[in-house]
Amino acid sequence: MKDVQTETKLRLISLQLESWKKLHDLVTYGLDKAKPIISAEQERQFREVRANLLQETEHVLRELNLLNDLSGRAMNVLKRGSSLRTVRELSNDDAGRLEVEWNAILPSLAWRRDSSNRFGKPFPR
């Protein structure tokens, strides 16, 4: 049986992953210049998810002992575009840098969640 601390950390990771996935979907849409115009609702969702991540990411990463590993990369992703329209206007080089930073964050969080679920081991303290 898992302890309360481990369950709490799993919940934190799950919530963080959901927010990052929502942001990923919106950013992917924004980067696709072939897609139609960005709606006001999409822009609102992007800003809301981004604001939540800006507020919560440092706390969650600190709780998971990932602050040193992922904090800078997470902030780079979140600061790269203040709006979905800004994301759409990124150059190919900037979009590539965004993808590299992104690919360091999500797999790391997902691995932590999955390995803790699978093995029931507590997180390092």
Protein backbone atom coordinates (compact mmCIF):
# COMPACT_ATOMS: atom_id res chain seq x y z
CA MET A 1 0.00 0.00 0.00
CA LYS A 2 1.33 3.42 -0.92
CA ASP A 3 1.85 6.03 1.72
CA VAL A 4 0.10 9.39 1.81
CA GLN A 5 3.20 11.32 0.75
CA THR A 6 3.66 9.19 -2.34
CA GLU A 7 -0.03 9.51 -3.23
CA THR A 8 0.20 13.29 -2.86
CA LYS A 9 3.21 13.45 -5.14
CA LEU A 10 1.50 11.24 -7.71
CA ARG A 11 -1.48 13.58 -7.68
CA LEU A 12 0.82 16.59 -8.14
CA ILE A 13 2.51 14.94 -11.13
CA SER A 14 -0.82 13.95 -12.67
CA LEU A 15 -2.20 17.48 -12.41
CA GLN A 16 1.02 18.96 -13.76
CA LEU A 17 1.04 16.52 -16.69
CA GLU A 18 -2.57 17.34 -17.55
CA SER A 19 -1.76 21.05 -17.67
CA TRP A 20 1.36 20.47 -19.78
CA LYS A 21 -0.63 18.27 -22.18
CA LYS A 22 -3.31 20.97 -22.57
CA LEU A 23 -0.62 23.54 -23.23
CA HIS A 24 1.05 21.18 -25.71
CA ASP A 25 -2.17 20.78 -27.69
CA LEU A 26 -2.64 24.53 -27.87
CA VAL A 27 1.00 25.21 -28.77
CA THR A 28 0.91 22.52 -31.46
CA TYR A 29 -2.16 24.18 -32.96
CA GLY A 30 -0.53 27.59 -32.71
CA LEU A 31 2.66 26.45 -34.45
CA ASP A 32 0.74 24.96 -37.37
CA LYS A 33 0.50 27.94 -39.69
CA ALA A 34 -1.78 25.96 -42.01
CA LYS A 35 -4.51 25.93 -39.33
CA PRO A 36 -7.22 28.56 -39.41
CA ILE A 37 -7.13 31.67 -37.31
CA ILE A 38 -6.74 31.35 -33.55
CA SER A 39 -10.05 31.91 -31.79
CA ALA A 40 -10.56 34.07 -28.73
CA GLU A 41 -11.51 30.92 -26.79
CA GLN A 42 -8.25 29.18 -27.73
CA GLU A 43 -6.30 32.27 -26.72
CA ARG A 44 -8.15 32.38 -23.39
CA GLN A 45 -7.44 28.69 -22.74
CA PHE A 46 -3.76 29.14 -23.59
CA ARG A 47 -3.36 32.09 -21.25
CA GLU A 48 -5.22 30.32 -18.45
CA VAL A 49 -3.19 27.09 -18.69
CA ARG A 50 0.06 29.03 -19.02
CA ALA A 51 -0.76 31.21 -16.00
CA ASN A 52 -1.58 28.13 -13.90
CA LEU A 53 1.67 26.47 -14.91
CA LEU A 54 3.66 29.62 -14.15
CA GLN A 55 2.15 29.67 -10.65
CA GLU A 56 2.39 25.95 -9.87
CA THR A 57 5.44 24.58 -11.68
CA GLU A 58 8.15 25.73 -9.26
CA HIS A 59 6.23 24.38 -6.25
CA VAL A 60 5.51 21.03 -7.91
CA LEU A 61 9.07 20.57 -9.16
CA ARG A 62 10.43 21.41 -5.71
CA GLU A 63 8.10 18.85 -4.10
CA LEU A 64 9.26 16.21 -6.59
CA ASN A 65 12.96 17.06 -6.19
CA LEU A 66 13.13 18.02 -9.87
CA LEU A 67 13.59 21.77 -9.41
CA ASN A 68 17.28 21.81 -10.42
CA ASP A 69 16.71 19.49 -13.38
CA LEU A 70 13.62 20.98 -14.97
CA SER A 71 12.86 24.44 -13.58
CA GLY A 72 14.91 26.40 -16.13
CA ARG A 73 13.56 24.38 -19.04
CA ALA A 74 9.97 24.70 -17.85
CA MET A 75 10.32 28.46 -17.47
CA ASN A 76 11.90 28.73 -20.94
CA VAL A 77 8.89 26.96 -22.45
CA LEU A 78 6.39 29.08 -20.52
CA LYS A 79 8.14 32.37 -21.28
CA ARG A 80 8.70 31.71 -24.97
CA GLY A 81 5.18 32.80 -25.82
CA SER A 82 2.94 35.07 -23.82
CA SER A 83 0.03 34.33 -26.12
CA LEU A 84 -0.99 31.76 -28.68
CA ARG A 85 -0.58 34.36 -31.39
CA THR A 86 3.01 34.95 -30.25
CA VAL A 87 3.64 31.20 -30.49
CA ARG A 88 2.31 31.20 -34.05
CA GLU A 89 4.82 33.90 -34.98
CA LEU A 90 7.88 31.98 -33.67
CA SER A 91 10.63 31.41 -36.21
CA ASN A 92 11.50 27.83 -37.15
CA ASP A 93 14.63 28.06 -34.98
CA ASP A 94 12.68 29.28 -31.97
CA ALA A 95 10.04 26.59 -32.48
CA GLY A 96 12.83 24.00 -32.60
CA ARG A 97 14.30 25.30 -29.33
CA LEU A 98 10.85 25.19 -27.79
CA GLU A 99 10.49 21.56 -28.84
CA VAL A 100 13.87 20.59 -27.34
CA GLU A 101 12.99 22.18 -23.99
CA TRP A 102 9.53 20.63 -24.11
CA ASN A 103 10.94 17.16 -24.73
CA ALA A 104 12.99 17.41 -21.54
CA ILE A 105 9.99 18.20 -19.33
CA LEU A 106 7.11 15.91 -20.21
CA PRO A 107 8.99 12.61 -20.44
CA SER A 108 10.67 13.28 -17.11
CA LEU A 109 7.36 13.96 -15.34
CA ALA A 110 5.65 11.03 -17.03
CA TRP A 111 8.51 8.69 -16.10
CA ARG A 112 8.29 9.78 -12.45
CA ARG A 113 4.56 9.17 -12.41
CA ASP A 114 4.70 5.83 -14.18
CA SER A 115 7.62 4.39 -12.24
CA SER A 116 6.07 5.39 -8.94
CA ASN A 117 2.70 3.90 -9.93
CA ARG A 118 4.27 0.71 -11.19
CA PHE A 119 6.69 0.04 -8.37
CA GLY A 120 4.99 1.82 -5.51
CA LYS A 121 8.34 3.26 -4.39
CA PRO A 122 8.40 6.61 -2.67
CA PHE A 123 10.08 9.56 -4.34
CA PRO A 124 13.60 10.47 -3.26
CA ARG A 125 13.68 13.06 -0.51
